C-alpha atoms as a PDB file:
ATOM      1  CA  MET A   1     206.985  67.982  11.783  1.00  0.00           C
ATOM      2  CA  THR A   2     205.711  69.130  15.478  1.00  0.00           C
ATOM      3  CA  THR A   3     207.110  67.574  18.609  1.00  0.00           C
ATOM      4  CA  GLY A   4     203.108  66.906  19.159  1.00  0.00           C
ATOM      5  CA  LYS A   5     203.423  64.726  15.676  1.00  0.00           C
ATOM      6  CA  GLU A   6     207.182  62.851  16.549  1.00  0.00           C
ATOM      7  CA  GLN A   7     205.322  61.555  19.735  1.00  0.00           C
ATOM      8  CA  HIS A   8     202.324  60.506  18.188  1.00  0.00           C
ATOM      9  CA  ILE A   9     204.597  58.621  15.243  1.00  0.00           C
ATOM     10  CA  GLN A  10     206.389  56.954  18.282  1.00  0.00           C
ATOM     11  CA  GLU A  11     203.112  56.204  20.048  1.00  0.00           C
ATOM     12  CA  LEU A  12     201.882  54.449  16.907  1.00  0.00           C
ATOM     13  CA  ALA A  13     204.785  52.646  16.282  1.00  0.00           C
ATOM     14  CA  SER A  14     204.607  51.222  20.019  1.00  0.00           C
ATOM     15  CA  GLN A  15     201.236  50.067  19.250  1.00  0.00           C
ATOM     16  CA  GLY A  16     202.484  48.115  16.433  1.00  0.00           C
ATOM     17  CA  LYS A  17     201.348  50.445  13.553  1.00  0.00           C
ATOM     18  CA  THR A  18     202.987  49.881  10.276  1.00  0.00           C
ATOM     19  CA  ILE A  19     205.081  53.323   8.796  1.00  0.00           C
ATOM     20  CA  VAL A  20     201.727  53.683   5.807  1.00  0.00           C
ATOM     21  CA  GLN A  21     199.300  53.433   8.910  1.00  0.00           C
ATOM     22  CA  ILE A  22     201.069  56.174  10.699  1.00  0.00           C
ATOM     23  CA  CYS A  23     200.887  58.171   7.758  1.00  0.00           C
ATOM     24  CA  ARG A  24     197.260  57.891   6.791  1.00  0.00           C
ATOM     25  CA  ALA A  25     196.536  58.371  10.401  1.00  0.00           C
ATOM     26  CA  LEU A  26     198.795  61.851  10.586  1.00  0.00           C
ATOM     27  CA  GLY A  27     199.175  62.648   6.609  1.00  0.00           C
ATOM     28  CA  LEU A  28     202.431  62.540   6.398  1.00  0.00           C
ATOM     29  CA  HIS A  29     204.704  61.396   3.994  1.00  0.00           C
ATOM     30  CA  TRP A  30     206.112  57.416   4.754  1.00  0.00           C
ATOM     31  CA  SER A  31     209.975  58.746   4.331  1.00  0.00           C
ATOM     32  CA  ASP A  32     209.329  61.110   6.485  1.00  0.00           C
ATOM     33  CA  VAL A  33     207.847  58.745   9.420  1.00  0.00           C
ATOM     34  CA  ARG A  34     210.457  55.991   8.657  1.00  0.00           C
ATOM     35  CA  SER A  35     213.548  58.633   8.753  1.00  0.00           C
ATOM     36  CA  TYR A  36     211.998  59.997  11.725  1.00  0.00           C
ATOM     37  CA  LEU A  37     211.778  56.786  13.586  1.00  0.00           C
ATOM     38  CA  ARG A  38     215.510  56.104  12.647  1.00  0.00           C
ATOM     39  CA  SER A  39     216.992  59.234  14.063  1.00  0.00           C
ATOM     40  CA  VAL A  40     215.444  58.063  17.593  1.00  0.00           C
ATOM     41  CA  ASP A  41     216.277  54.766  16.953  1.00  0.00           C
ATOM     42  CA  LYS A  42     212.714  53.048  17.021  1.00  0.00           C
ATOM     43  CA  ARG A  43     210.828  51.562  14.611  1.00  0.00           C
ATOM     44  CA  SER A  44     207.461  50.005  13.891  1.00  0.00           C
ATOM     45  CA  TRP A  45     207.254  45.997  14.533  1.00  0.00           C
ATOM     46  CA  ARG A  46     207.270  45.057  11.269  1.00  0.00           C
ATOM     47  CA  GLY A  47     210.558  47.158  10.510  1.00  0.00           C
ATOM     48  CA  ALA A  48     211.999  45.405  13.776  1.00  0.00           C
ATOM     49  CA  LYS A  49     211.257  41.876  12.847  1.00  0.00           C
ATOM     50  CA  VAL A  50     213.061  42.960   9.349  1.00  0.00           C
ATOM     51  CA  VAL A  51     216.345  44.312  11.144  1.00  0.00           C
ATOM     52  CA  ILE A  52     215.747  40.764  13.859  1.00  0.00           C
ATOM     53  CA  THR A  53     215.495  38.744  10.200  1.00  0.00           C
ATOM     54  CA  ASN A  54     218.490  40.438   8.797  1.00  0.00           C
ATOM     55  CA  ARG A  55     220.626  40.088  11.862  1.00  0.00           C
ATOM     56  CA  LEU A  56     220.168  36.847  12.082  1.00  0.00           C
ATOM     57  CA  LYS A  57     220.303  35.308   8.190  1.00  0.00           C
ATOM     58  CA  LYS A  58     223.865  37.460   8.757  1.00  0.00           C
ATOM     59  CA  LEU A  59     225.076  35.731  11.870  1.00  0.00           C
ATOM     60  CA  ALA A  60     224.801  32.764  10.732  1.00  0.00           C
ATOM     61  CA  LEU A  61     227.313  33.447   7.825  1.00  0.00           C
ATOM     62  CA  GLU A  62     229.421  35.450   9.694  1.00  0.00           C
ATOM     63  CA  ALA A  63     232.682  33.550  10.925  1.00  0.00           C
ATOM     64  CA  ASP A  64     234.283  36.691  12.858  1.00  0.00           C
ATOM     65  CA  PRO A  65     233.164  35.847  16.624  1.00  0.00           C
ATOM     66  CA  LYS A  66     233.280  39.705  17.236  1.00  0.00           C
ATOM     67  CA  LYS A  67     230.864  40.262  14.130  1.00  0.00           C
ATOM     68  CA  ARG A  68     228.122  37.445  15.549  1.00  0.00           C
ATOM     69  CA  GLN A  69     228.211  39.031  19.133  1.00  0.00           C
ATOM     70  CA  HIS A  70     227.072  42.357  17.616  1.00  0.00           C
ATOM     71  CA  LEU A  71     224.840  40.981  15.818  1.00  0.00           C
ATOM     72  CA  ALA A  72     223.169  38.803  18.408  1.00  0.00           C
ATOM     73  CA  ASP A  73     223.308  41.981  20.240  1.00  0.00           C
ATOM     74  CA  GLU A  74     221.564  44.018  18.621  1.00  0.00           C
ATOM     75  CA  ALA A  75     219.053  40.938  17.649  1.00  0.00           C
ATOM     76  CA  ASP A  76     217.878  40.705  21.187  1.00  0.00           C
ATOM     77  CA  ARG A  77     217.842  44.359  21.501  1.00  0.00           C
ATOM     78  CA  TRP A  78     215.344  44.359  19.126  1.00  0.00           C
ATOM     79  CA  VAL A  79     213.608  41.359  20.517  1.00  0.00           C
ATOM     80  CA  ASP A  80     213.429  43.109  23.855  1.00  0.00           C
ATOM     81  CA  TYR A  81     212.185  46.152  21.493  1.00  0.00           C
ATOM     82  CA  LEU A  82     209.643  44.180  20.898  1.00  0.00           C
ATOM     83  CA  TYR A  83     208.355  42.628  24.112  1.00  0.00           C
ATOM     84  CA  SER A  84     208.600  45.764  25.956  1.00  0.00           C
ATOM     85  CA  ASP A  85     205.775  47.071  23.583  1.00  0.00           C
ATOM     86  CA  ALA A  86     203.640  44.395  22.888  1.00  0.00           C
ATOM     87  CA  LYS A  87     204.036  44.052  27.580  1.00  0.00           C
ATOM     88  CA  ARG A  88     203.310  47.475  27.847  1.00  0.00           C
ATOM     89  CA  LEU A  89     200.550  47.434  25.110  1.00  0.00           C
ATOM     90  CA  GLY A  90     198.648  44.333  26.508  1.00  0.00           C
ATOM     91  CA  ASP A  91     198.989  45.853  30.082  1.00  0.00           C
ATOM     92  CA  GLU A  92     197.099  48.929  28.573  1.00  0.00           C
ATOM     93  CA  VAL A  93     194.130  46.534  26.977  1.00  0.00           C
ATOM     94  CA  ASP A  94     194.142  44.587  30.462  1.00  0.00           C
ATOM     95  CA  GLN A  95     192.976  48.278  32.116  1.00  0.00           C
ATOM     96  CA  VAL A  96     190.680  48.916  29.566  1.00  0.00           C
ATOM     97  CA  ARG A  97     188.880  45.662  29.983  1.00  0.00           C
ATOM     98  CA  LYS A  98     188.860  46.237  34.097  1.00  0.00           C
ATOM     99  CA  ALA A  99     187.723  49.150  33.884  1.00  0.00           C
ATOM    100  CA  LEU A 100     185.178  48.249  31.601  1.00  0.00           C
ATOM    101  CA  GLN A 101     183.786  45.128  33.715  1.00  0.00           C
ATOM    102  CA  ARG A 102     184.255  47.733  36.276  1.00  0.00           C
ATOM    103  CA  GLY A 103     181.526  50.134  34.559  1.00  0.00           C
ATOM    104  CA  LEU A 104     179.223  47.129  33.534  1.00  0.00           C
ATOM    105  CA  GLN A 105     179.010  46.119  36.742  1.00  0.00           C
ATOM    106  CA  VAL A 106     177.506  49.586  38.170  1.00  0.00           C
ATOM    107  CA  ILE A 107     175.195  49.718  35.368  1.00  0.00           C
ATOM    108  CA  ASP A 108     173.862  46.561  36.801  1.00  0.00           C
END
């Protein structure tokens, strides 16, 4: 896989695209995209949600305080991952919206 495709995979995942959507957009196989994202410690948003859900379920059943803390820390890290991607994407949408409004004002 080329570096350009790898960057594009990360970019699409950060935009909330599913692995299937990334595969269709880039003409890649699902397992290749999934493996690559895991190798760089990234997930699709759906994948991050699954990780968070699984950690919270395990947390409810775990008795060992150290293991509970580890599970909580991992869930927290993935929540931060989703938040930062969503915030960045929201900021980009705001920039586009403002640019469009400026462009419409110029036309009027």
